[in-house]
Amino acid sequence: MPSIRLADLAQQLDAELHGDGDIVITGVASMQSAQTGHITFMVNPKYREHLGLCQASAVVMTQDDLPFAKSAALVVKNPT
Protein backbone atom coordinates (compact mmCIF):
# COMPACT_ATOMS: atom_id res chain seq x y z
CA MET A 1 0.00 0.00 0.00
CA PRO A 2 1.44 3.40 -0.89
CA SER A 3 1.51 5.84 2.00
CA ILE A 4 -1.26 8.42 2.31
CA ARG A 5 -2.03 11.28 4.67
CA LEU A 6 -5.00 10.59 6.91
CA ALA A 7 -6.74 13.79 5.74
CA ASP A 8 -6.47 12.63 2.12
CA LEU A 9 -7.83 9.19 3.01
CA ALA A 10 -10.72 10.81 4.88
CA GLN A 11 -11.58 12.80 1.78
CA GLN A 12 -11.45 9.70 -0.45
CA LEU A 13 -13.71 7.77 1.95
CA ASP A 14 -16.02 10.73 2.58
CA ALA A 15 -15.25 10.21 6.27
CA GLU A 16 -15.27 12.69 9.15
CA LEU A 17 -11.71 13.15 10.41
CA HIS A 18 -11.02 13.30 14.15
CA GLY A 19 -7.41 13.96 15.05
CA ASP A 20 -4.26 14.84 13.12
CA GLY A 21 -4.84 14.80 9.38
CA ASP A 22 -1.09 14.87 8.73
CA ILE A 23 -0.59 11.34 10.10
CA VAL A 24 0.89 9.18 7.35
CA ILE A 25 -0.80 5.82 6.89
CA THR A 26 1.50 3.12 5.53
CA GLY A 27 -0.63 0.01 5.86
CA VAL A 28 -3.77 -1.72 7.10
CA ALA A 29 -3.79 -4.21 9.97
CA SER A 30 -6.07 -5.90 12.47
CA MET A 31 -6.60 -4.18 15.80
CA GLN A 32 -4.39 -6.75 17.53
CA SER A 33 -1.45 -6.54 15.11
CA ALA A 34 -1.56 -2.86 14.10
CA GLN A 35 1.49 -0.69 14.72
CA THR A 36 2.34 2.98 14.22
CA GLY A 37 1.52 3.99 10.65
CA HIS A 38 -1.27 1.45 10.30
CA ILE A 39 -5.00 2.03 10.07
CA THR A 40 -7.49 -0.50 11.39
CA PHE A 41 -11.25 -0.95 11.47
CA MET A 42 -13.68 -1.08 14.38
CA VAL A 43 -16.54 -3.19 13.00
CA ASN A 44 -18.12 -4.64 16.12
CA PRO A 45 -18.85 -2.87 19.43
CA LYS A 46 -17.65 -5.92 21.36
CA TYR A 47 -14.09 -4.96 20.35
CA ARG A 48 -14.24 -1.51 21.96
CA GLU A 49 -12.19 -2.83 24.88
CA HIS A 50 -9.32 -3.50 22.44
CA LEU A 51 -9.06 0.16 21.41
CA GLY A 52 -7.08 0.98 24.54
CA LEU A 53 -4.37 -1.52 23.58
CA CYS A 54 -4.44 -0.90 19.83
CA GLN A 55 -1.22 0.63 18.46
CA ALA A 56 -2.73 1.79 15.13
CA SER A 57 -2.26 5.42 14.15
CA ALA A 58 -5.92 5.63 13.14
CA VAL A 59 -9.15 3.67 13.30
CA VAL A 60 -12.12 3.65 10.92
CA MET A 61 -15.27 3.53 13.07
CA THR A 62 -18.85 4.65 13.49
CA GLN A 63 -19.96 7.74 15.40
CA ASP A 64 -21.16 5.48 18.25
CA ASP A 65 -17.63 4.13 18.73
CA LEU A 66 -15.90 7.53 18.64
CA PRO A 67 -16.01 8.13 22.43
CA PHE A 68 -13.83 5.03 22.83
CA ALA A 69 -11.14 6.18 20.36
CA LYS A 70 -7.60 6.46 21.71
CA SER A 71 -6.08 7.56 18.39
CA ALA A 72 -7.08 9.51 15.32
CA ALA A 73 -10.34 8.31 13.80
CA LEU A 74 -12.21 8.33 10.53
CA VAL A 75 -15.93 8.23 11.22
CA VAL A 76 -18.09 6.53 8.61
CA LYS A 77 -21.62 5.14 8.56
CA ASN A 78 -20.45 1.59 7.82
CA PRO A 79 -16.77 0.70 8.45
CA THR A 80 -16.92 -2.64 6.63
PDB file of N, CA and C in Angstrom:
ATOM      1  N   MET A   1       0.852  -1.183   0.000  1.00  0.00           N
ATOM      2  CA  MET A   1       0.000   0.000   0.000  1.00  0.00           C
ATOM      3  C   MET A   1       0.891   1.236   0.000  1.00  0.00           C
ATOM      4  N   PRO A   2       0.683   2.144  -0.940  1.00  0.00           N
ATOM      5  CA  PRO A   2       1.440   3.400  -0.892  1.00  0.00           C
ATOM      6  C   PRO A   2       0.987   4.229   0.309  1.00  0.00           C
ATOM      7  N   SER A   3       1.876   5.020   0.839  1.00  0.00           N
ATOM      8  CA  SER A   3       1.511   5.836   2.002  1.00  0.00           C
ATOM      9  C   SER A   3       0.558   6.954   1.587  1.00  0.00           C
ATOM     10  N   ILE A   4      -0.272   7.377   2.550  1.00  0.00           N
ATOM     11  CA  ILE A   4      -1.262   8.419   2.306  1.00  0.00           C
ATOM     12  C   ILE A   4      -1.504   9.180   3.604  1.00  0.00           C
ATOM     13  N   ARG A   5      -1.690  10.487   3.490  1.00  0.00           N
ATOM     14  CA  ARG A   5      -2.029  11.281   4.670  1.00  0.00           C
ATOM     15  C   ARG A   5      -3.455  10.946   5.095  1.00  0.00           C
ATOM     16  N   LEU A   6      -3.684  10.938   6.390  1.00  0.00           N
ATOM     17  CA  LEU A   6      -4.999  10.588   6.913  1.00  0.00           C
ATOM     18  C   LEU A   6      -6.073  11.538   6.388  1.00  0.00           C
ATOM     19  N   ALA A   7      -5.769  12.819   6.260  1.00  0.00           N
ATOM     20  CA  ALA A   7      -6.743  13.785   5.735  1.00  0.00           C
ATOM     21  C   ALA A   7      -7.136  13.446   4.302  1.00  0.00           C
ATOM     22  N   ASP A   8      -6.174  13.000   3.500  1.00  0.00           N
ATOM     23  CA  ASP A   8      -6.472  12.625   2.116  1.00  0.00           C
ATOM     24  C   ASP A   8      -7.324  11.360   2.065  1.00  0.00           C
ATOM     25  N   LEU A   9      -7.028  10.415   2.942  1.00  0.00           N
ATOM     26  CA  LEU A   9      -7.826   9.193   3.014  1.00  0.00           C
ATOM     27  C   LEU A   9      -9.248   9.509   3.459  1.00  0.00           C
ATOM     28  N   ALA A  10      -9.387  10.405   4.422  1.00  0.00           N
ATOM     29  CA  ALA A  10     -10.717  10.810   4.884  1.00  0.00           C
ATOM     30  C   ALA A  10     -11.526  11.392   3.733  1.00  0.00           C
ATOM     31  N   GLN A  11     -10.889  12.203   2.923  1.00  0.00           N
ATOM     32  CA  GLN A  11     -11.582  12.802   1.782  1.00  0.00           C
ATOM     33  C   GLN A  11     -12.006  11.729   0.782  1.00  0.00           C
ATOM     34  N   GLN A  12     -11.129  10.770   0.506  1.00  0.00           N
ATOM     35  CA  GLN A  12     -11.449   9.703  -0.446  1.00  0.00           C
ATOM     36  C   GLN A  12     -12.600   8.826   0.045  1.00  0.00           C
ATOM     37  N   LEU A  13     -12.669   8.622   1.367  1.00  0.00           N
ATOM     38  CA  LEU A  13     -13.710   7.772   1.948  1.00  0.00           C
ATOM     39  C   LEU A  13     -14.962   8.548   2.325  1.00  0.00           C
ATOM     40  N   ASP A  14     -14.930   9.864   2.137  1.00  0.00           N
ATOM     41  CA  ASP A  14     -16.021  10.729   2.577  1.00  0.00           C
ATOM     42  C   ASP A  14     -16.285  10.513   4.069  1.00  0.00           C
ATOM     43  N   ALA A  15     -15.191  10.464   4.829  1.00  0.00           N
ATOM     44  CA  ALA A  15     -15.245  10.215   6.270  1.00  0.00           C
ATOM     45  C   ALA A  15     -15.002  11.507   7.039  1.00  0.00           C
ATOM     46  N   GLU A  16     -15.494  11.553   8.255  1.00  0.00           N
ATOM     47  CA  GLU A  16     -15.268  12.687   9.152  1.00  0.00           C
ATOM     48  C   GLU A  16     -13.979  12.422   9.925  1.00  0.00           C
ATOM     49  N   LEU A  17     -13.013  13.307   9.774  1.00  0.00           N
ATOM     50  CA  LEU A  17     -11.709  13.152  10.408  1.00  0.00           C
ATOM     51  C   LEU A  17     -11.735  13.684  11.832  1.00  0.00           C
ATOM     52  N   HIS A  18     -11.217  12.888  12.760  1.00  0.00           N
ATOM     53  CA  HIS A  18     -11.025  13.301  14.149  1.00  0.00           C
ATOM     54  C   HIS A  18      -9.562  13.046  14.482  1.00  0.00           C
ATOM     55  N   GLY A  19      -8.823  14.102  14.744  1.00  0.00           N
ATOM     56  CA  GLY A  19      -7.407  13.956  15.050  1.00  0.00           C
ATOM     57  C   GLY A  19      -6.544  14.603  13.980  1.00  0.00           C
ATOM     58  N   ASP A  20      -5.282  14.238  13.975  1.00  0.00           N
ATOM     59  CA  ASP A  20      -4.259  14.839  13.122  1.00  0.00           C
ATOM     60  C   ASP A  20      -4.349  14.323  11.688  1.00  0.00           C
ATOM     61  N   GLY A  21      -4.734  15.175  10.784  1.00  0.00           N
ATOM     62  CA  GLY A  21      -4.843  14.796   9.379  1.00  0.00           C
ATOM     63  C   GLY A  21      -3.514  14.592   8.691  1.00  0.00           C
ATOM     64  N   ASP A  22      -2.415  15.028   9.322  1.00  0.00           N
ATOM     65  CA  ASP A  22      -1.092  14.869   8.725  1.00  0.00           C
ATOM     66  C   ASP A  22      -0.446  13.524   9.039  1.00  0.00           C
ATOM     67  N   ILE A  23      -1.107  12.684   9.828  1.00  0.00           N
ATOM     68  CA  ILE A  23      -0.591  11.341  10.097  1.00  0.00           C
ATOM     69  C   ILE A  23      -0.453  10.613   8.766  1.00  0.00           C
ATOM     70  N   VAL A  24       0.661   9.938   8.576  1.00  0.00           N
ATOM     71  CA  VAL A  24       0.892   9.183   7.346  1.00  0.00           C
ATOM     72  C   VAL A  24       0.541   7.717   7.598  1.00  0.00           C
ATOM     73  N   ILE A  25      -0.379   7.211   6.794  1.00  0.00           N
ATOM     74  CA  ILE A  25      -0.804   5.821   6.893  1.00  0.00           C
ATOM     75  C   ILE A  25      -0.002   5.007   5.882  1.00  0.00           C
ATOM     76  N   THR A  26       0.634   3.942   6.374  1.00  0.00           N
ATOM     77  CA  THR A  26       1.502   3.123   5.527  1.00  0.00           C
ATOM     78  C   THR A  26       0.979   1.711   5.318  1.00  0.00           C
ATOM     79  N   GLY A  27      -0.095   1.352   6.025  1.00  0.00           N
ATOM     80  CA  GLY A  27      -0.632   0.007   5.864  1.00  0.00           C
ATOM     81  C   GLY A  27      -1.918  -0.178   6.639  1.00  0.00           C
ATOM     82  N   VAL A  28      -2.534  -1.331   6.428  1.00  0.00           N
ATOM     83  CA  VAL A  28      -3.771  -1.716   7.100  1.00  0.00           C
ATOM     84  C   VAL A  28      -3.481  -2.968   7.910  1.00  0.00           C
ATOM     85  N   ALA A  29      -4.029  -3.037   9.119  1.00  0.00           N
ATOM     86  CA  ALA A  29      -3.795  -4.210   9.966  1.00  0.00           C
ATOM     87  C   ALA A  29      -4.985  -4.432  10.887  1.00  0.00           C
ATOM     88  N   SER A  30      -5.034  -5.609  11.473  1.00  0.00           N
ATOM     89  CA  SER A  30      -6.069  -5.900  12.467  1.00  0.00           C
ATOM     90  C   SER A  30      -5.790  -5.083  13.720  1.00  0.00           C
ATOM     91  N   MET A  31      -6.787  -4.944  14.561  1.00  0.00           N
ATOM     92  CA  MET A  31      -6.598  -4.183  15.805  1.00  0.00           C
ATOM     93  C   MET A  31      -5.475  -4.775  16.653  1.00  0.00           C
ATOM     94  N   GLN A  32      -5.376  -6.091  16.674  1.00  0.00           N
ATOM     95  CA  GLN A  32      -4.391  -6.753  17.525  1.00  0.00           C
ATOM     96  C   GLN A  32      -2.968  -6.647  16.985  1.00  0.00           C
ATOM     97  N   SER A  33      -2.801  -6.562  15.671  1.00  0.00           N
ATOM     98  CA  SER A  33      -1.446  -6.542  15.111  1.00  0.00           C
ATOM     99  C   SER A  33      -1.009  -5.169  14.605  1.00  0.00           C
ATOM    100  N   ALA A  34      -1.882  -4.187  14.632  1.00  0.00           N
ATOM    101  CA  ALA A  34      -1.561  -2.857  14.101  1.00  0.00           C
ATOM    102  C   ALA A  34      -0.431  -2.188  14.879  1.00  0.00           C
ATOM    103  N   GLN A  35       0.384  -1.452  14.152  1.00  0.00           N
ATOM    104  CA  GLN A  35       1.492  -0.687  14.716  1.00  0.00           C
ATOM    105  C   GLN A  35       1.381   0.753  14.222  1.00  0.00           C
ATOM    106  N   THR A  36       2.293   1.598  14.671  1.00  0.00           N
ATOM    107  CA  THR A  36       2.335   2.985  14.219  1.00  0.00           C
ATOM    108  C   THR A  36       2.406   3.025  12.692  1.00  0.00           C
ATOM    109  N   GLY A  37       1.588   3.870  12.099  1.00  0.00           N
ATOM    110  CA  GLY A  37       1.522   3.987  10.650  1.00  0.00           C
ATOM    111  C   GLY A  37       0.391   3.185  10.040  1.00  0.00           C
ATOM    112  N   HIS A  38      -0.171   2.269  10.803  1.00  0.00           N
ATOM    113  CA  HIS A  38      -1.274   1.445  10.299  1.00  0.00           C
ATOM    114  C   HIS A  38      -2.618   2.090  10.592  1.00  0.00           C
ATOM    115  N   ILE A  39      -3.604   1.707   9.795  1.00  0.00           N
ATOM    116  CA  ILE A  39      -4.995   2.034  10.074  1.00  0.00           C
ATOM    117  C   ILE A  39      -5.719   0.705  10.260  1.00  0.00           C
ATOM    118  N   THR A  40      -6.711   0.704  11.132  1.00  0.00           N
ATOM    119  CA  THR A  40      -7.490  -0.501  11.391  1.00  0.00           C
ATOM    120  C   THR A  40      -8.964  -0.143  11.384  1.00  0.00           C
ATOM    121  N   PHE A  41      -9.801  -1.143  11.537  1.00  0.00           N
ATOM    122  CA  PHE A  41     -11.247  -0.952  11.474  1.00  0.00           C
ATOM    123  C   PHE A  41     -11.905  -1.456  12.740  1.00  0.00           C
ATOM    124  N   MET A  42     -12.856  -0.696  13.235  1.00  0.00           N
ATOM    125  CA  MET A  42     -13.680  -1.084  14.380  1.00  0.00           C
ATOM    126  C   MET A  42     -15.037  -1.457  13.805  1.00  0.00           C
ATOM    127  N   VAL A  43     -15.312  -2.761  13.668  1.00  0.00           N
ATOM    128  CA  VAL A  43     -16.540  -3.190  12.998  1.00  0.00           C
ATOM    129  C   VAL A  43     -17.580  -3.782  13.942  1.00  0.00           C
ATOM    130  N   ASN A  44     -17.199  -4.017  15.179  1.00  0.00           N
ATOM    131  CA  ASN A  44     -18.124  -4.640  16.123  1.00  0.00           C
ATOM    132  C   ASN A  44     -17.926  -4.007  17.496  1.00  0.00           C
ATOM    133  N   PRO A  45     -18.985  -3.515  18.121  1.00  0.00           N
ATOM    134  CA  PRO A  45     -18.853  -2.866  19.434  1.00  0.00           C
ATOM    135  C   PRO A  45     -18.208  -3.744  20.501  1.00  0.00           C
ATOM    136  N   LYS A  46     -18.252  -5.053  20.341  1.00  0.00           N
ATOM    137  CA  LYS A  46     -17.651  -5.922  21.358  1.00  0.00           C
ATOM    138  C   LYS A  46     -16.124  -5.778  21.400  1.00  0.00           C
ATOM    139  N   TYR A  47     -15.544  -5.160  20.374  1.00  0.00           N
ATOM    140  CA  TYR A  47     -14.092  -4.964  20.346  1.00  0.00           C
ATOM    141  C   TYR A  47     -13.662  -3.606  20.895  1.00  0.00           C
ATOM    142  N   ARG A  48     -14.596  -2.832  21.409  1.00  0.00           N
ATOM    143  CA  ARG A  48     -14.244  -1.513  21.963  1.00  0.00           C
ATOM    144  C   ARG A  48     -13.154  -1.613  23.018  1.00  0.00           C
ATOM    145  N   GLU A  49     -13.189  -2.664  23.816  1.00  0.00           N
ATOM    146  CA  GLU A  49     -12.192  -2.833  24.879  1.00  0.00           C
ATOM    147  C   GLU A  49     -10.778  -2.952  24.312  1.00  0.00           C
ATOM    148  N   HIS A  50     -10.636  -3.356  23.060  1.00  0.00           N
ATOM    149  CA  HIS A  50      -9.319  -3.499  22.445  1.00  0.00           C
ATOM    150  C   HIS A  50      -8.737  -2.162  21.988  1.00  0.00           C
ATOM    151  N   LEU A  51      -9.559  -1.139  21.882  1.00  0.00           N
ATOM    152  CA  LEU A  51      -9.063   0.156  21.411  1.00  0.00           C
ATOM    153  C   LEU A  51      -7.977   0.719  22.317  1.00  0.00           C
ATOM    154  N   GLY A  52      -8.076   0.475  23.607  1.00  0.00           N
ATOM    155  CA  GLY A  52      -7.076   0.978  24.541  1.00  0.00           C
ATOM    156  C   GLY A  52      -5.700   0.373  24.343  1.00  0.00           C
ATOM    157  N   LEU A  53      -5.639  -0.834  23.806  1.00  0.00           N
ATOM    158  CA  LEU A  53      -4.369  -1.522  23.576  1.00  0.00           C
ATOM    159  C   LEU A  53      -3.890  -1.421  22.132  1.00  0.00           C
ATOM    160  N   CYS A  54      -4.748  -0.960  21.263  1.00  0.00           N
ATOM    161  CA  CYS A  54      -4.440  -0.899  19.832  1.00  0.00           C
ATOM    162  C   CYS A  54      -3.347   0.139  19.562  1.00  0.00           C
ATOM    163  N   GLN A  55      -2.347  -0.248  18.775  1.00  0.00           N
ATOM    164  CA  GLN A  55      -1.221   0.634  18.457  1.00  0.00           C
ATOM    165  C   GLN A  55      -1.370   1.342  17.104  1.00  0.00           C
ATOM    166  N   ALA A  56      -2.514   1.163  16.442  1.00  0.00           N
ATOM    167  CA  ALA A  56      -2.734   1.788  15.132  1.00  0.00           C
ATOM    168  C   ALA A  56      -2.692   3.309  15.247  1.00  0.00           C
ATOM    169  N   SER A  57      -2.267   3.954  14.188  1.00  0.00           N
ATOM    170  CA  SER A  57      -2.259   5.417  14.154  1.00  0.00           C
ATOM    171  C   SER A  57      -3.652   5.984  13.963  1.00  0.00           C
ATOM    172  N   ALA A  58      -4.547   5.182  13.376  1.00  0.00           N
ATOM    173  CA  ALA A  58      -5.917   5.635  13.140  1.00  0.00           C
ATOM    174  C   ALA A  58      -6.852   4.434  13.059  1.00  0.00           C
ATOM    175  N   VAL A  59      -8.125   4.711  13.329  1.00  0.00           N
ATOM    176  CA  VAL A  59      -9.148   3.665  13.296  1.00  0.00           C
ATOM    177  C   VAL A  59     -10.351   4.182  12.508  1.00  0.00           C
ATOM    178  N   VAL A  60     -10.875   3.351  11.619  1.00  0.00           N
ATOM    179  CA  VAL A  60     -12.124   3.646  10.923  1.00  0.00           C
ATOM    180  C   VAL A  60     -13.240   3.091  11.796  1.00  0.00           C
ATOM    181  N   MET A  61     -14.221   3.937  12.126  1.00  0.00           N
ATOM    182  CA  MET A  61     -15.266   3.528  13.065  1.00  0.00           C
ATOM    183  C   MET A  61     -16.544   4.314  12.837  1.00  0.00           C
ATOM    184  N   THR A  62     -17.585   3.924  13.551  1.00  0.00           N
ATOM    185  CA  THR A  62     -18.852   4.654  13.493  1.00  0.00           C
ATOM    186  C   THR A  62     -18.850   5.764  14.537  1.00  0.00           C
ATOM    187  N   GLN A  63     -19.805   6.653  14.432  1.00  0.00           N
ATOM    188  CA  GLN A  63     -19.965   7.742  15.402  1.00  0.00           C
ATOM    189  C   GLN A  63     -20.171   7.187  16.811  1.00  0.00           C
ATOM    190  N   ASP A  64     -20.898   6.077  16.938  1.00  0.00           N
ATOM    191  CA  ASP A  64     -21.160   5.477  18.250  1.00  0.00           C
ATOM    192  C   ASP A  64     -19.888   5.010  18.939  1.00  0.00           C
ATOM    193  N   ASP A  65     -18.880   4.617  18.155  1.00  0.00           N
ATOM    194  CA  ASP A  65     -17.630   4.125  18.731  1.00  0.00           C
ATOM    195  C   ASP A  65     -16.630   5.238  19.030  1.00  0.00           C
ATOM    196  N   LEU A  66     -16.861   6.433  18.502  1.00  0.00           N
ATOM    197  CA  LEU A  66     -15.904   7.533  18.636  1.00  0.00           C
ATOM    198  C   LEU A  66     -15.516   7.852  20.079  1.00  0.00           C
ATOM    199  N   PRO A  67     -16.428   7.829  21.056  1.00  0.00           N
ATOM    200  CA  PRO A  67     -16.012   8.131  22.430  1.00  0.00           C
ATOM    201  C   PRO A  67     -14.957   7.169  22.987  1.00  0.00           C
ATOM    202  N   PHE A  68     -14.789   6.022  22.362  1.00  0.00           N
ATOM    203  CA  PHE A  68     -13.830   5.030  22.831  1.00  0.00           C
ATOM    204  C   PHE A  68     -12.484   5.137  22.118  1.00  0.00           C
ATOM    205  N   ALA A  69     -12.367   6.041  21.158  1.00  0.00           N
ATOM    206  CA  ALA A  69     -11.142   6.180  20.359  1.00  0.00           C
ATOM    207  C   ALA A  69      -9.985   6.672  21.212  1.00  0.00           C
ATOM    208  N   LYS A  70      -8.836   6.059  21.029  1.00  0.00           N
ATOM    209  CA  LYS A  70      -7.604   6.456  21.714  1.00  0.00           C
ATOM    210  C   LYS A  70      -6.583   7.008  20.721  1.00  0.00           C
ATOM    211  N   SER A  71      -6.967   7.065  19.451  1.00  0.00           N
ATOM    212  CA  SER A  71      -6.083   7.559  18.395  1.00  0.00           C
ATOM    213  C   SER A  71      -6.927   8.387  17.433  1.00  0.00           C
ATOM    214  N   ALA A  72      -6.322   8.806  16.353  1.00  0.00           N
ATOM    215  CA  ALA A  72      -7.083   9.506  15.317  1.00  0.00           C
ATOM    216  C   ALA A  72      -8.153   8.561  14.782  1.00  0.00           C
ATOM    217  N   ALA A  73      -9.237   9.135  14.282  1.00  0.00           N
ATOM    218  CA  ALA A  73     -10.340   8.306  13.799  1.00  0.00           C
ATOM    219  C   ALA A  73     -10.936   8.877  12.525  1.00  0.00           C
ATOM    220  N   LEU A  74     -11.402   7.974  11.690  1.00  0.00           N
ATOM    221  CA  LEU A  74     -12.206   8.325  10.528  1.00  0.00           C
ATOM    222  C   LEU A  74     -13.593   7.771  10.795  1.00  0.00           C
ATOM    223  N   VAL A  75     -14.564   8.652  10.912  1.00  0.00           N
ATOM    224  CA  VAL A  75     -15.929   8.234  11.225  1.00  0.00           C
ATOM    225  C   VAL A  75     -16.709   8.065   9.925  1.00  0.00           C
ATOM    226  N   VAL A  76     -17.283   6.879   9.778  1.00  0.00           N
ATOM    227  CA  VAL A  76     -18.091   6.534   8.607  1.00  0.00           C
ATOM    228  C   VAL A  76     -19.381   5.876   9.083  1.00  0.00           C
ATOM    229  N   LYS A  77     -20.358   5.790   8.199  1.00  0.00           N
ATOM    230  CA  LYS A  77     -21.619   5.136   8.562  1.00  0.00           C
ATOM    231  C   LYS A  77     -21.452   3.636   8.691  1.00  0.00           C
ATOM    232  N   ASN A  78     -20.650   3.035   7.802  1.00  0.00           N
ATOM    233  CA  ASN A  78     -20.447   1.591   7.820  1.00  0.00           C
ATOM    234  C   ASN A  78     -18.967   1.293   7.575  1.00  0.00           C
ATOM    235  N   PRO A  79     -18.214   0.902   8.603  1.00  0.00           N
ATOM    236  CA  PRO A  79     -16.772   0.704   8.449  1.00  0.00           C
ATOM    237  C   PRO A  79     -16.355  -0.581   7.740  1.00  0.00           C
ATOM    238  N   THR A  80     -17.308  -1.388   7.283  1.00  0.00           N
ATOM    239  CA  THR A  80     -16.918  -2.643   6.625  1.00  0.00           C
ATOM    240  C   THR A  80     -16.787  -2.502   5.139  1.00  0.00           C
TER     241      THR A  80
END
